[in-house]
Amino acid sequence: MKTSPVLVRCQGVLFDMDGILISSLGAVERSWAKWARMRGVEPETALRGAHGRRAIENVARLRPDLDSEAELKVIEDLEAADNEGVTVLPGVLELLAALPRERWTVVTSATERLARVRLAASGIPAPARMVTADHVTQGKPHPEPFLAGAALLGVRPEACVVFEDSSSGTQAGRAAGCTVIATTHSHAAETLDAAHYLVRGLTDVSAEKDQDGLLLRVAVLDREQTIKGEPRPA
């Protein structure tokens, strides 16, 4: 598929975790399906809202009659115990190695405990501080997580680049005022219209320091061709 080179200057980079840094789809689906069966919910219904949103919000949506905090602990335990197939995605380690440690962090809908378990399982060095479900009152698609991520780096949101793969995540990054780059390997391109740029994955992104901060070189996909259904990476 045709790509075009784009240069993006920024001061900080905010990464979603699942689907951007790591692949944990199998573990997520198994855990939510197990929780759903325990609580009399159709697994397919539970999985429909599991990606890109905080677990506590998904639980409240599915079983508003239950104690959301207690159920969060149940699903967190299920997910933390299942790391089968959790792997780092292509291009991630190379991109992170090119970024100064103080210039990037993770902004995820997972809890901090689960995020650190998953990053460790995939071999990614976790940042000392990151934004997780425990640190915000409103999750994606609300901009609060990415506003918190920018504040954590001490950078204006407008000077941050967000890497996301979900509709709710791209909407959150756009609403926060960040430049949003979305990967197309896990969700259809037509659901990512809030993103400024589309890429196949992080193998299409490189980074270097310059006098003004960071310079990202991005191989951007043609949005129209991508939405028309030309082949996307599996």
C-alpha atoms as a PDB file:
ATOM      1  CA  MET A   1       0.000   0.000   0.000  1.00  0.00           C
ATOM      2  CA  LYS A   2       1.233   3.467  -0.882  1.00  0.00           C
ATOM      3  CA  THR A   3       2.686   5.589   1.923  1.00  0.00           C
ATOM      4  CA  SER A   4       3.864   9.190   2.074  1.00  0.00           C
ATOM      5  CA  PRO A   5       6.709  10.447   4.297  1.00  0.00           C
ATOM      6  CA  VAL A   6       5.664  13.009   6.904  1.00  0.00           C
ATOM      7  CA  LEU A   7       7.835  14.785   9.473  1.00  0.00           C
ATOM      8  CA  VAL A   8       6.195  15.443  12.851  1.00  0.00           C
ATOM      9  CA  ARG A   9       7.945  17.603  15.442  1.00  0.00           C
ATOM     10  CA  CYS A  10       6.958  17.239  19.074  1.00  0.00           C
ATOM     11  CA  GLN A  11       8.187  17.506  22.659  1.00  0.00           C
ATOM     12  CA  GLY A  12       6.678  14.305  24.065  1.00  0.00           C
ATOM     13  CA  VAL A  13       5.158  10.987  23.000  1.00  0.00           C
ATOM     14  CA  LEU A  14       2.186   9.260  24.638  1.00  0.00           C
ATOM     15  CA  PHE A  15       1.689   5.572  23.850  1.00  0.00           C
ATOM     16  CA  ASP A  16      -1.430   3.513  24.333  1.00  0.00           C
ATOM     17  CA  MET A  17      -0.391   0.035  25.491  1.00  0.00           C
ATOM     18  CA  ASP A  18      -2.560  -2.795  24.123  1.00  0.00           C
ATOM     19  CA  GLY A  19      -2.469  -2.851  20.333  1.00  0.00           C
ATOM     20  CA  ILE A  20       0.308  -0.252  20.154  1.00  0.00           C
ATOM     21  CA  LEU A  21       3.194  -1.486  22.304  1.00  0.00           C
ATOM     22  CA  ILE A  22       2.043  -5.029  22.965  1.00  0.00           C
ATOM     23  CA  SER A  23      -0.331  -7.644  21.640  1.00  0.00           C
ATOM     24  CA  SER A  24      -2.435  -9.135  24.411  1.00  0.00           C
ATOM     25  CA  LEU A  25      -5.684  -9.684  22.532  1.00  0.00           C
ATOM     26  CA  GLY A  26      -5.898 -13.381  23.347  1.00  0.00           C
ATOM     27  CA  ALA A  27      -5.383 -12.816  27.073  1.00  0.00           C
ATOM     28  CA  VAL A  28      -7.916  -9.962  27.117  1.00  0.00           C
ATOM     29  CA  GLU A  29     -10.550 -11.989  25.296  1.00  0.00           C
ATOM     30  CA  ARG A  30     -10.061 -15.080  27.432  1.00  0.00           C
ATOM     31  CA  SER A  31     -10.249 -13.083  30.666  1.00  0.00           C
ATOM     32  CA  TRP A  32     -13.347 -11.098  29.724  1.00  0.00           C
ATOM     33  CA  ALA A  33     -15.085 -14.199  28.373  1.00  0.00           C
ATOM     34  CA  LYS A  34     -14.395 -15.987  31.654  1.00  0.00           C
ATOM     35  CA  TRP A  35     -15.695 -13.034  33.700  1.00  0.00           C
ATOM     36  CA  ALA A  36     -18.774 -12.807  31.481  1.00  0.00           C
ATOM     37  CA  ARG A  37     -19.655 -16.453  32.008  1.00  0.00           C
ATOM     38  CA  MET A  38     -19.179 -16.013  35.764  1.00  0.00           C
ATOM     39  CA  ARG A  39     -21.624 -13.081  35.758  1.00  0.00           C
ATOM     40  CA  GLY A  40     -24.240 -14.317  33.284  1.00  0.00           C
ATOM     41  CA  VAL A  41     -23.221 -12.007  30.441  1.00  0.00           C
ATOM     42  CA  GLU A  42     -22.821 -13.038  26.816  1.00  0.00           C
ATOM     43  CA  PRO A  43     -19.045 -13.141  26.156  1.00  0.00           C
ATOM     44  CA  GLU A  44     -19.452 -11.391  22.795  1.00  0.00           C
ATOM     45  CA  THR A  45     -21.304  -8.541  24.488  1.00  0.00           C
ATOM     46  CA  ALA A  46     -18.592  -8.221  27.119  1.00  0.00           C
ATOM     47  CA  LEU A  47     -15.801  -8.183  24.537  1.00  0.00           C
ATOM     48  CA  ARG A  48     -17.478  -5.531  22.412  1.00  0.00           C
ATOM     49  CA  GLY A  49     -16.558  -2.789  24.877  1.00  0.00           C
ATOM     50  CA  ALA A  50     -13.431  -4.266  26.421  1.00  0.00           C
ATOM     51  CA  HIS A  51     -10.841  -2.672  24.136  1.00  0.00           C
ATOM     52  CA  GLY A  52      -9.765   0.911  24.665  1.00  0.00           C
ATOM     53  CA  ARG A  53     -11.926   1.607  27.722  1.00  0.00           C
ATOM     54  CA  ARG A  54     -11.344   1.206  31.435  1.00  0.00           C
ATOM     55  CA  ALA A  55     -12.483  -2.141  32.796  1.00  0.00           C
ATOM     56  CA  ILE A  56     -14.481  -0.466  35.567  1.00  0.00           C
ATOM     57  CA  GLU A  57     -16.557   1.376  32.945  1.00  0.00           C
ATOM     58  CA  ASN A  58     -17.120  -1.790  30.961  1.00  0.00           C
ATOM     59  CA  VAL A  59     -18.222  -3.647  34.098  1.00  0.00           C
ATOM     60  CA  ALA A  60     -20.637  -0.859  35.012  1.00  0.00           C
ATOM     61  CA  ARG A  61     -22.096  -0.970  31.507  1.00  0.00           C
ATOM     62  CA  LEU A  62     -22.584  -4.730  31.536  1.00  0.00           C
ATOM     63  CA  ARG A  63     -23.707  -5.305  35.137  1.00  0.00           C
ATOM     64  CA  PRO A  64     -24.749  -1.961  36.708  1.00  0.00           C
ATOM     65  CA  ASP A  65     -26.320  -3.905  39.579  1.00  0.00           C
ATOM     66  CA  LEU A  66     -22.927  -5.142  40.814  1.00  0.00           C
ATOM     67  CA  ASP A  67     -20.215  -3.381  42.808  1.00  0.00           C
ATOM     68  CA  SER A  68     -17.950  -2.042  40.052  1.00  0.00           C
ATOM     69  CA  GLU A  69     -14.893  -1.783  42.299  1.00  0.00           C
ATOM     70  CA  ALA A  70     -15.241  -5.375  43.456  1.00  0.00           C
ATOM     71  CA  GLU A  71     -15.762  -6.611  39.890  1.00  0.00           C
ATOM     72  CA  LEU A  72     -12.755  -4.616  38.716  1.00  0.00           C
ATOM     73  CA  LYS A  73     -10.607  -6.593  41.147  1.00  0.00           C
ATOM     74  CA  VAL A  74     -12.028  -9.857  39.761  1.00  0.00           C
ATOM     75  CA  ILE A  75     -11.300  -9.003  36.132  1.00  0.00           C
ATOM     76  CA  GLU A  76      -7.909  -7.539  37.031  1.00  0.00           C
ATOM     77  CA  ASP A  77      -6.938 -10.790  38.771  1.00  0.00           C
ATOM     78  CA  LEU A  78      -8.081 -12.806  35.734  1.00  0.00           C
ATOM     79  CA  GLU A  79      -6.105 -10.647  33.313  1.00  0.00           C
ATOM     80  CA  ALA A  80      -2.966 -10.432  35.451  1.00  0.00           C
ATOM     81  CA  ALA A  81      -2.866 -14.238  35.695  1.00  0.00           C
ATOM     82  CA  ASP A  82      -3.068 -14.743  31.914  1.00  0.00           C
ATOM     83  CA  ASN A  83       0.030 -13.658  29.989  1.00  0.00           C
ATOM     84  CA  GLU A  84      -0.055 -16.427  27.411  1.00  0.00           C
ATOM     85  CA  GLY A  85       0.753 -14.991  24.007  1.00  0.00           C
ATOM     86  CA  VAL A  86       1.533 -11.475  25.286  1.00  0.00           C
ATOM     87  CA  THR A  87       4.239 -10.128  22.978  1.00  0.00           C
ATOM     88  CA  VAL A  88       5.888  -6.865  22.032  1.00  0.00           C
ATOM     89  CA  LEU A  89       4.747  -5.568  18.636  1.00  0.00           C
ATOM     90  CA  PRO A  90       7.160  -5.027  15.720  1.00  0.00           C
ATOM     91  CA  GLY A  91       9.094  -1.765  15.731  1.00  0.00           C
ATOM     92  CA  VAL A  92       8.306  -0.920  19.358  1.00  0.00           C
ATOM     93  CA  LEU A  93      11.667  -1.595  20.983  1.00  0.00           C
ATOM     94  CA  GLU A  94      13.525   0.223  18.219  1.00  0.00           C
ATOM     95  CA  LEU A  95      11.302   3.310  18.511  1.00  0.00           C
ATOM     96  CA  LEU A  96      11.488   3.393  22.311  1.00  0.00           C
ATOM     97  CA  ALA A  97      15.277   3.066  22.194  1.00  0.00           C
ATOM     98  CA  ALA A  98      15.433   6.173  20.002  1.00  0.00           C
ATOM     99  CA  LEU A  99      13.363   8.264  22.432  1.00  0.00           C
ATOM    100  CA  PRO A 100      14.833   9.870  25.576  1.00  0.00           C
ATOM    101  CA  ARG A 101      13.273   8.183  28.615  1.00  0.00           C
ATOM    102  CA  GLU A 102      11.913  11.461  29.952  1.00  0.00           C
ATOM    103  CA  ARG A 103      10.142  12.231  26.662  1.00  0.00           C
ATOM    104  CA  TRP A 104       7.651   9.345  26.556  1.00  0.00           C
ATOM    105  CA  THR A 105       5.191   7.505  28.743  1.00  0.00           C
ATOM    106  CA  VAL A 106       2.282   5.079  28.564  1.00  0.00           C
ATOM    107  CA  VAL A 107      -1.358   6.173  28.725  1.00  0.00           C
ATOM    108  CA  THR A 108      -3.517   3.071  29.089  1.00  0.00           C
ATOM    109  CA  SER A 109      -7.015   2.056  30.115  1.00  0.00           C
ATOM    110  CA  ALA A 110      -5.509  -0.845  32.076  1.00  0.00           C
ATOM    111  CA  THR A 111      -4.873  -0.585  35.801  1.00  0.00           C
ATOM    112  CA  GLU A 112      -1.295   0.133  36.849  1.00  0.00           C
ATOM    113  CA  ARG A 113      -0.866  -3.367  38.257  1.00  0.00           C
ATOM    114  CA  LEU A 114      -2.008  -4.968  35.003  1.00  0.00           C
ATOM    115  CA  ALA A 115      -0.012  -2.563  32.836  1.00  0.00           C
ATOM    116  CA  ARG A 116       3.224  -3.359  34.662  1.00  0.00           C
ATOM    117  CA  VAL A 117       2.541  -7.109  34.490  1.00  0.00           C
ATOM    118  CA  ARG A 118       1.890  -6.935  30.745  1.00  0.00           C
ATOM    119  CA  LEU A 119       4.876  -4.705  29.950  1.00  0.00           C
ATOM    120  CA  ALA A 120       7.168  -6.993  31.949  1.00  0.00           C
ATOM    121  CA  ALA A 121       5.774 -10.082  30.197  1.00  0.00           C
ATOM    122  CA  SER A 122       6.502  -8.536  26.801  1.00  0.00           C
ATOM    123  CA  GLY A 123      10.005  -7.311  27.711  1.00  0.00           C
ATOM    124  CA  ILE A 124       9.278  -3.582  27.462  1.00  0.00           C
ATOM    125  CA  PRO A 125      10.987  -1.352  30.043  1.00  0.00           C
ATOM    126  CA  ALA A 126       8.101   0.320  31.880  1.00  0.00           C
ATOM    127  CA  PRO A 127       8.393   4.060  32.498  1.00  0.00           C
ATOM    128  CA  ALA A 128       8.733   5.056  36.136  1.00  0.00           C
ATOM    129  CA  ARG A 129       5.453   6.958  35.915  1.00  0.00           C
ATOM    130  CA  MET A 130       2.545   6.412  33.565  1.00  0.00           C
ATOM    131  CA  VAL A 131      -1.160   7.187  33.316  1.00  0.00           C
ATOM    132  CA  THR A 132      -3.411   4.219  34.024  1.00  0.00           C
ATOM    133  CA  ALA A 133      -7.054   3.619  34.874  1.00  0.00           C
ATOM    134  CA  ASP A 134      -6.252   4.231  38.548  1.00  0.00           C
ATOM    135  CA  HIS A 135      -5.069   7.782  37.871  1.00  0.00           C
ATOM    136  CA  VAL A 136      -8.074   9.302  36.092  1.00  0.00           C
ATOM    137  CA  THR A 137     -11.746   9.779  36.894  1.00  0.00           C
ATOM    138  CA  GLN A 138     -12.833   9.624  33.255  1.00  0.00           C
ATOM    139  CA  GLY A 139     -11.374   7.212  30.738  1.00  0.00           C
ATOM    140  CA  LYS A 140     -11.048   7.371  26.966  1.00  0.00           C
ATOM    141  CA  PRO A 141     -12.723   8.786  24.833  1.00  0.00           C
ATOM    142  CA  HIS A 142     -12.580  11.617  27.395  1.00  0.00           C
ATOM    143  CA  PRO A 143      -9.359  13.655  26.968  1.00  0.00           C
ATOM    144  CA  GLU A 144      -8.401  13.400  30.668  1.00  0.00           C
ATOM    145  CA  PRO A 145      -5.937  10.480  30.240  1.00  0.00           C
ATOM    146  CA  PHE A 146      -3.882  12.251  27.568  1.00  0.00           C
ATOM    147  CA  LEU A 147      -4.050  15.601  29.332  1.00  0.00           C
ATOM    148  CA  ALA A 148      -2.652  13.789  32.377  1.00  0.00           C
ATOM    149  CA  GLY A 149       0.045  12.169  30.226  1.00  0.00           C
ATOM    150  CA  ALA A 150       1.168  15.519  28.838  1.00  0.00           C
ATOM    151  CA  ALA A 151       1.258  16.980  32.359  1.00  0.00           C
ATOM    152  CA  LEU A 152       3.322  14.004  33.519  1.00  0.00           C
ATOM    153  CA  LEU A 153       5.933  14.820  30.877  1.00  0.00           C
ATOM    154  CA  GLY A 154       5.718  18.533  31.624  1.00  0.00           C
ATOM    155  CA  VAL A 155       4.738  19.245  28.020  1.00  0.00           C
ATOM    156  CA  ARG A 156       1.777  21.083  26.504  1.00  0.00           C
ATOM    157  CA  PRO A 157      -0.760  18.649  24.985  1.00  0.00           C
ATOM    158  CA  GLU A 158      -0.383  20.434  21.634  1.00  0.00           C
ATOM    159  CA  ALA A 159       3.314  19.468  21.672  1.00  0.00           C
ATOM    160  CA  CYS A 160       2.576  15.765  22.230  1.00  0.00           C
ATOM    161  CA  VAL A 161       2.080  12.943  19.753  1.00  0.00           C
ATOM    162  CA  VAL A 162      -0.353  10.185  20.702  1.00  0.00           C
ATOM    163  CA  PHE A 163      -0.077   6.648  19.292  1.00  0.00           C
ATOM    164  CA  GLU A 164      -3.403   4.809  19.419  1.00  0.00           C
ATOM    165  CA  ASP A 165      -5.224   1.946  17.747  1.00  0.00           C
ATOM    166  CA  SER A 166      -8.843   2.344  18.892  1.00  0.00           C
ATOM    167  CA  SER A 167     -11.686   4.720  18.143  1.00  0.00           C
ATOM    168  CA  SER A 168     -12.034   5.782  21.777  1.00  0.00           C
ATOM    169  CA  GLY A 169      -8.290   6.362  22.073  1.00  0.00           C
ATOM    170  CA  THR A 170      -8.006   8.451  18.922  1.00  0.00           C
ATOM    171  CA  GLN A 171     -10.995  10.535  20.013  1.00  0.00           C
ATOM    172  CA  ALA A 172      -9.394  11.101  23.417  1.00  0.00           C
ATOM    173  CA  GLY A 173      -6.086  12.184  21.912  1.00  0.00           C
ATOM    174  CA  ARG A 174      -7.754  14.536  19.449  1.00  0.00           C
ATOM    175  CA  ALA A 175      -9.934  16.073  22.181  1.00  0.00           C
ATOM    176  CA  ALA A 176      -6.823  16.646  24.300  1.00  0.00           C
ATOM    177  CA  GLY A 177      -5.285  18.688  21.494  1.00  0.00           C
ATOM    178  CA  CYS A 178      -2.511  16.207  20.676  1.00  0.00           C
ATOM    179  CA  THR A 179      -1.378  15.051  17.248  1.00  0.00           C
ATOM    180  CA  VAL A 180      -2.816  11.546  16.872  1.00  0.00           C
ATOM    181  CA  ILE A 181      -1.190   8.750  14.865  1.00  0.00           C
ATOM    182  CA  ALA A 182      -3.265   5.569  14.613  1.00  0.00           C
ATOM    183  CA  THR A 183      -2.166   2.093  13.592  1.00  0.00           C
ATOM    184  CA  THR A 184      -4.516   0.124  11.345  1.00  0.00           C
ATOM    185  CA  HIS A 185      -3.625  -3.477  12.194  1.00  0.00           C
ATOM    186  CA  SER A 186      -6.253  -4.001  14.906  1.00  0.00           C
ATOM    187  CA  HIS A 187      -9.212  -1.768  13.968  1.00  0.00           C
ATOM    188  CA  ALA A 188     -10.752  -0.742  10.665  1.00  0.00           C
ATOM    189  CA  ALA A 189      -9.473   2.565   9.309  1.00  0.00           C
ATOM    190  CA  GLU A 190     -12.981   4.013   9.052  1.00  0.00           C
ATOM    191  CA  THR A 191     -13.284   3.857  12.856  1.00  0.00           C
ATOM    192  CA  LEU A 192     -10.130   5.961  13.261  1.00  0.00           C
ATOM    193  CA  ASP A 193     -11.324   9.195  11.672  1.00  0.00           C
ATOM    194  CA  ALA A 194     -10.243  11.202  14.750  1.00  0.00           C
ATOM    195  CA  ALA A 195      -6.597  10.422  13.953  1.00  0.00           C
ATOM    196  CA  HIS A 196      -4.480  12.940  12.065  1.00  0.00           C
ATOM    197  CA  TYR A 197      -2.413  10.192  10.427  1.00  0.00           C
ATOM    198  CA  LEU A 198      -2.733   6.454   9.790  1.00  0.00           C
ATOM    199  CA  VAL A 199       0.192   4.010   9.742  1.00  0.00           C
ATOM    200  CA  ARG A 200       0.483   0.255   9.427  1.00  0.00           C
ATOM    201  CA  GLY A 201       2.415  -0.037  12.685  1.00  0.00           C
ATOM    202  CA  LEU A 202       5.357   1.377  14.591  1.00  0.00           C
ATOM    203  CA  THR A 203       7.790  -0.120  12.074  1.00  0.00           C
ATOM    204  CA  ASP A 204       6.695   2.843   9.921  1.00  0.00           C
ATOM    205  CA  VAL A 205       7.857   5.378  12.531  1.00  0.00           C
ATOM    206  CA  SER A 206      11.383   6.447  13.468  1.00  0.00           C
ATOM    207  CA  ALA A 207      12.535   9.133  15.887  1.00  0.00           C
ATOM    208  CA  GLU A 208      15.511  11.330  16.565  1.00  0.00           C
ATOM    209  CA  LYS A 209      16.341  14.295  18.765  1.00  0.00           C
ATOM    210  CA  ASP A 210      16.740  17.706  17.197  1.00  0.00           C
ATOM    211  CA  GLN A 211      17.316  21.200  18.518  1.00  0.00           C
ATOM    212  CA  ASP A 212      13.603  21.752  19.092  1.00  0.00           C
ATOM    213  CA  GLY A 213      12.792  18.432  20.770  1.00  0.00           C
ATOM    214  CA  LEU A 214      11.872  15.307  18.832  1.00  0.00           C
ATOM    215  CA  LEU A 215      11.523  14.652  15.131  1.00  0.00           C
ATOM    216  CA  LEU A 216       9.349  11.729  14.054  1.00  0.00           C
ATOM    217  CA  ARG A 217       9.592  10.376  10.521  1.00  0.00           C
ATOM    218  CA  VAL A 218       6.279   8.741   9.686  1.00  0.00           C
ATOM    219  CA  ALA A 219       5.296   6.665   6.654  1.00  0.00           C
ATOM    220  CA  VAL A 220       1.656   7.715   6.427  1.00  0.00           C
ATOM    221  CA  LEU A 221      -0.987   5.604   4.702  1.00  0.00           C
ATOM    222  CA  ASP A 222      -3.351   7.079   2.154  1.00  0.00           C
ATOM    223  CA  ARG A 223      -6.590   7.315   4.142  1.00  0.00           C
ATOM    224  CA  GLU A 224      -8.928   6.841   1.173  1.00  0.00           C
ATOM    225  CA  GLN A 225      -7.151   3.736  -0.060  1.00  0.00           C
ATOM    226  CA  THR A 226      -7.072   2.290   3.448  1.00  0.00           C
ATOM    227  CA  ILE A 227     -10.794   2.871   4.030  1.00  0.00           C
ATOM    228  CA  LYS A 228     -11.632   1.346   0.647  1.00  0.00           C
ATOM    229  CA  GLY A 229     -10.425  -1.932   2.040  1.00  0.00           C
ATOM    230  CA  GLU A 230      -7.046  -2.488   0.506  1.00  0.00           C
ATOM    231  CA  PRO A 231      -5.149  -5.234   2.327  1.00  0.00           C
ATOM    232  CA  ARG A 232      -3.987  -4.385   5.832  1.00  0.00           C
ATOM    233  CA  PRO A 233      -1.385  -6.303   7.862  1.00  0.00           C
ATOM    234  CA  ALA A 234      -2.831  -9.127   9.964  1.00  0.00           C
END
